[in-house]
Every structure is written in C-alpha cells, then in structure tokens.
C-alpha cells in the first residue's frame, strides 16, 4: 500500500514546527531535537518524511556555515570523530553496517564506506551522507 502525500497534513506539520533558516545554536539544537523525535518513530508518514528532509537541509546549511570541515579530513576520520563525540563503540554501529566484521574493516581503514552505509550513517548522526563519501 502506497501512502499518498497530503498537502493539508503537511501544512499542519509546518505550522506546528515553523521551519526557518537556522541562525543560532539554540535553533539548531531545536531542529536536531525534532529530527531525533522523527527518527524515533517506527515509520514516518509521507508528510513527516518531507518535514524530516526539510529540517535536515536547514541543519546541514547551518552546520556547514558554522562548522566547516577541515580539508584534510576523510570519511573515516569524520566517522571516528562522530563516534567519539557521541561516545559510541564499534558495536553501537552494528545496525548501520550489519556485521561486526564490516564495522571492524571500516573502522580499521580496510574497507571504504559504501553509499548505503553513508545513507544510514547520515540518518544516525543527523548529517549529510556526503560526509562519509570520498
């Protein structure tokens, strides 16, 4: 069963959240909290999925402007940084990579992060999947 997008439901969501360009750390934290609450749901409606995408773009824009990545960073170094910042261990990423062997190979630089894994990591850390691609 394919769910159809309802503009009226989406308009109600937008009026509840009032998304706008993020200009402060407090606004960024609020948007991140809303993204996290959407991620906690078992499944998103088409309208919630669209809101998620919008908030993600706003957060990415703010963070790119305020936290530029150093040019010498790599997808692996970015992943390691995010893991450290969030106090995560390799086992915490099993849901992203599917097996401890793959997690270990990626963390040890023996395997590149795939596009699929980059997508999952992007959702996991609320960042652009592009951070994890070369």
C-alpha atoms as a PDB file:
ATOM      1  CA  UNK A   1       0.000   0.000   0.000  1.00  0.00           C
ATOM      2  CA  UNK A   2       1.485   3.301  -1.115  1.00  0.00           C
ATOM      3  CA  UNK A   3       0.749   6.248   1.108  1.00  0.00           C
ATOM      4  CA  UNK A   4      -0.064   9.451  -0.715  1.00  0.00           C
ATOM      5  CA  UNK A   5       1.220  12.843   0.240  1.00  0.00           C
ATOM      6  CA  UNK A   6      -1.456  15.095   1.742  1.00  0.00           C
ATOM      7  CA  UNK A   7      -0.631  18.821   1.389  1.00  0.00           C
ATOM      8  CA  UNK A   8      -3.085  19.760   4.162  1.00  0.00           C
ATOM      9  CA  UNK A   9      -1.452  17.414   6.661  1.00  0.00           C
ATOM     10  CA  UNK A  10       1.964  18.737   5.621  1.00  0.00           C
ATOM     11  CA  UNK A  11       0.755  22.328   6.056  1.00  0.00           C
ATOM     12  CA  UNK A  12      -0.400  21.473   9.588  1.00  0.00           C
ATOM     13  CA  UNK A  13       3.019  19.973  10.378  1.00  0.00           C
ATOM     14  CA  UNK A  14       4.743  23.058   9.003  1.00  0.00           C
ATOM     15  CA  UNK A  15       2.537  25.365  11.067  1.00  0.00           C
ATOM     16  CA  UNK A  16       3.365  23.315  14.168  1.00  0.00           C
ATOM     17  CA  UNK A  17       7.143  23.316  13.587  1.00  0.00           C
ATOM     18  CA  UNK A  18       7.510  26.665  11.777  1.00  0.00           C
ATOM     19  CA  UNK A  19      10.756  25.729   9.999  1.00  0.00           C
ATOM     20  CA  UNK A  20      13.015  28.603   9.048  1.00  0.00           C
ATOM     21  CA  UNK A  21      16.642  29.306   8.265  1.00  0.00           C
ATOM     22  CA  UNK A  22      18.694  28.374  11.320  1.00  0.00           C
ATOM     23  CA  UNK A  23      20.840  31.231  12.594  1.00  0.00           C
ATOM     24  CA  UNK A  24      21.667  30.288  16.195  1.00  0.00           C
ATOM     25  CA  UNK A  25      22.942  27.256  18.057  1.00  0.00           C
ATOM     26  CA  UNK A  26      19.668  27.148  20.030  1.00  0.00           C
ATOM     27  CA  UNK A  27      17.641  26.979  16.825  1.00  0.00           C
ATOM     28  CA  UNK A  28      19.964  24.268  15.549  1.00  0.00           C
ATOM     29  CA  UNK A  29      19.511  22.236  18.749  1.00  0.00           C
ATOM     30  CA  UNK A  30      15.741  22.593  18.479  1.00  0.00           C
ATOM     31  CA  UNK A  31      15.774  21.378  14.865  1.00  0.00           C
ATOM     32  CA  UNK A  32      18.071  18.479  15.793  1.00  0.00           C
ATOM     33  CA  UNK A  33      15.707  17.504  18.610  1.00  0.00           C
ATOM     34  CA  UNK A  34      12.800  17.482  16.171  1.00  0.00           C
ATOM     35  CA  UNK A  35      14.819  15.359  13.724  1.00  0.00           C
ATOM     36  CA  UNK A  36      15.645  12.942  16.533  1.00  0.00           C
ATOM     37  CA  UNK A  37      11.983  12.663  17.514  1.00  0.00           C
ATOM     38  CA  UNK A  38      11.105  11.817  13.920  1.00  0.00           C
ATOM     39  CA  UNK A  39      13.883   9.211  13.799  1.00  0.00           C
ATOM     40  CA  UNK A  40      12.472   7.547  16.920  1.00  0.00           C
ATOM     41  CA  UNK A  41       9.203   6.790  15.141  1.00  0.00           C
ATOM     42  CA  UNK A  42       8.841   3.321  13.706  1.00  0.00           C
ATOM     43  CA  UNK A  43       7.695   4.712  10.362  1.00  0.00           C
ATOM     44  CA  UNK A  44       7.098   8.178   9.005  1.00  0.00           C
ATOM     45  CA  UNK A  45       4.108   9.377   7.054  1.00  0.00           C
ATOM     46  CA  UNK A  46       4.896  10.949   3.669  1.00  0.00           C
ATOM     47  CA  UNK A  47       4.343  14.364   5.251  1.00  0.00           C
ATOM     48  CA  UNK A  48       6.683  13.621   8.171  1.00  0.00           C
ATOM     49  CA  UNK A  49       9.274  12.298   5.735  1.00  0.00           C
ATOM     50  CA  UNK A  50       9.096  15.562   3.778  1.00  0.00           C
ATOM     51  CA  UNK A  51       9.409  17.576   7.014  1.00  0.00           C
ATOM     52  CA  UNK A  52      12.419  15.450   8.008  1.00  0.00           C
ATOM     53  CA  UNK A  53      14.097  16.240   4.672  1.00  0.00           C
ATOM     54  CA  UNK A  54      13.408  19.962   5.084  1.00  0.00           C
ATOM     55  CA  UNK A  55      14.774  20.108   8.631  1.00  0.00           C
ATOM     56  CA  UNK A  56      17.829  18.117   7.571  1.00  0.00           C
ATOM     57  CA  UNK A  57      18.606  20.646   4.828  1.00  0.00           C
ATOM     58  CA  UNK A  58      18.258  23.531   7.284  1.00  0.00           C
ATOM     59  CA  UNK A  59      20.526  21.860   9.857  1.00  0.00           C
ATOM     60  CA  UNK A  60      23.118  20.937   7.214  1.00  0.00           C
ATOM     61  CA  UNK A  61      23.164  24.502   5.897  1.00  0.00           C
ATOM     62  CA  UNK A  62      23.709  25.927   9.388  1.00  0.00           C
ATOM     63  CA  UNK A  63      26.374  23.385  10.294  1.00  0.00           C
ATOM     64  CA  UNK A  64      28.278  23.782   7.029  1.00  0.00           C
ATOM     65  CA  UNK A  65      28.388  27.535   7.589  1.00  0.00           C
ATOM     66  CA  UNK A  66      29.317  27.322  11.260  1.00  0.00           C
ATOM     67  CA  UNK A  67      31.352  24.120  11.494  1.00  0.00           C
ATOM     68  CA  UNK A  68      33.299  23.790   8.258  1.00  0.00           C
ATOM     69  CA  UNK A  69      35.186  20.537   7.941  1.00  0.00           C
ATOM     70  CA  UNK A  70      38.904  20.679   7.642  1.00  0.00           C
ATOM     71  CA  UNK A  71      40.048  19.869   4.136  1.00  0.00           C
ATOM     72  CA  UNK A  72      42.369  17.102   5.302  1.00  0.00           C
ATOM     73  CA  UNK A  73      39.593  15.075   6.919  1.00  0.00           C
ATOM     74  CA  UNK A  74      38.469  11.793   5.392  1.00  0.00           C
ATOM     75  CA  UNK A  75      35.173   9.916   5.570  1.00  0.00           C
ATOM     76  CA  UNK A  76      36.766   7.590   8.133  1.00  0.00           C
ATOM     77  CA  UNK A  77      38.149  10.427  10.280  1.00  0.00           C
ATOM     78  CA  UNK A  78      34.714  12.070  10.233  1.00  0.00           C
ATOM     79  CA  UNK A  79      33.074   8.827  11.318  1.00  0.00           C
ATOM     80  CA  UNK A  80      35.623   8.323  14.088  1.00  0.00           C
ATOM     81  CA  UNK A  81      35.085  11.890  15.271  1.00  0.00           C
ATOM     82  CA  UNK A  82      31.312  11.432  15.374  1.00  0.00           C
ATOM     83  CA  UNK A  83      31.692   8.134  17.194  1.00  0.00           C
ATOM     84  CA  UNK A  84      33.948   9.751  19.786  1.00  0.00           C
ATOM     85  CA  UNK A  85      31.672  12.771  20.177  1.00  0.00           C
ATOM     86  CA  UNK A  86      28.701  10.512  20.769  1.00  0.00           C
ATOM     87  CA  UNK A  87      30.584   8.038  22.989  1.00  0.00           C
ATOM     88  CA  UNK A  88      29.941   5.158  20.585  1.00  0.00           C
ATOM     89  CA  UNK A  89      31.810   1.889  20.202  1.00  0.00           C
ATOM     90  CA  UNK A  90      32.065  -0.304  17.135  1.00  0.00           C
ATOM     91  CA  UNK A  91      29.252  -2.497  18.448  1.00  0.00           C
ATOM     92  CA  UNK A  92      26.962   0.541  18.505  1.00  0.00           C
ATOM     93  CA  UNK A  93      27.155   0.656  14.701  1.00  0.00           C
ATOM     94  CA  UNK A  94      26.023  -2.920  14.032  1.00  0.00           C
ATOM     95  CA  UNK A  95      22.605  -1.618  12.979  1.00  0.00           C
ATOM     96  CA  UNK A  96      24.299   0.514  10.312  1.00  0.00           C
ATOM     97  CA  UNK A  97      26.818  -1.980   8.935  1.00  0.00           C
ATOM     98  CA  UNK A  98      25.062  -5.269   9.622  1.00  0.00           C
ATOM     99  CA  UNK A  99      28.009  -7.216  10.998  1.00  0.00           C
ATOM    100  CA  UNK A 100      30.889  -6.741  13.374  1.00  0.00           C
ATOM    101  CA  UNK A 101      33.299  -7.800  10.628  1.00  0.00           C
ATOM    102  CA  UNK A 102      32.246  -4.986   8.312  1.00  0.00           C
ATOM    103  CA  UNK A 103      32.303  -2.443  11.161  1.00  0.00           C
ATOM    104  CA  UNK A 104      35.828  -3.556  12.063  1.00  0.00           C
ATOM    105  CA  UNK A 105      37.054  -3.374   8.453  1.00  0.00           C
ATOM    106  CA  UNK A 106      35.637   0.140   8.012  1.00  0.00           C
ATOM    107  CA  UNK A 107      36.998   1.403  11.351  1.00  0.00           C
ATOM    108  CA  UNK A 108      40.440  -0.058  10.581  1.00  0.00           C
ATOM    109  CA  UNK A 109      40.512   1.505   7.112  1.00  0.00           C
ATOM    110  CA  UNK A 110      40.432  -1.825   5.274  1.00  0.00           C
ATOM    111  CA  UNK A 111      37.064  -1.116   3.682  1.00  0.00           C
ATOM    112  CA  UNK A 112      35.505   2.051   2.252  1.00  0.00           C
ATOM    113  CA  UNK A 113      32.133   3.282   3.476  1.00  0.00           C
ATOM    114  CA  UNK A 114      29.519   2.295   0.886  1.00  0.00           C
ATOM    115  CA  UNK A 115      26.761   4.612  -0.342  1.00  0.00           C
ATOM    116  CA  UNK A 116      24.187   2.557   1.556  1.00  0.00           C
ATOM    117  CA  UNK A 117      26.217   2.773   4.756  1.00  0.00           C
ATOM    118  CA  UNK A 118      26.733   6.516   4.191  1.00  0.00           C
ATOM    119  CA  UNK A 119      22.957   6.972   3.990  1.00  0.00           C
ATOM    120  CA  UNK A 120      22.448   5.059   7.231  1.00  0.00           C
ATOM    121  CA  UNK A 121      25.273   6.940   8.961  1.00  0.00           C
ATOM    122  CA  UNK A 122      23.797  10.248   7.798  1.00  0.00           C
ATOM    123  CA  UNK A 123      20.474   9.372   9.385  1.00  0.00           C
ATOM    124  CA  UNK A 124      22.171   8.017  12.504  1.00  0.00           C
ATOM    125  CA  UNK A 125      24.170  11.208  13.110  1.00  0.00           C
ATOM    126  CA  UNK A 126      21.757  13.715  11.541  1.00  0.00           C
ATOM    127  CA  UNK A 127      24.322  14.845   8.993  1.00  0.00           C
ATOM    128  CA  UNK A 128      24.649  14.726   5.241  1.00  0.00           C
ATOM    129  CA  UNK A 129      25.565  11.265   3.934  1.00  0.00           C
ATOM    130  CA  UNK A 130      28.112  13.061   1.734  1.00  0.00           C
ATOM    131  CA  UNK A 131      30.352  13.385   4.803  1.00  0.00           C
ATOM    132  CA  UNK A 132      31.038   9.672   4.574  1.00  0.00           C
ATOM    133  CA  UNK A 133      31.781   9.511   0.861  1.00  0.00           C
ATOM    134  CA  UNK A 134      35.014  10.319  -0.925  1.00  0.00           C
END
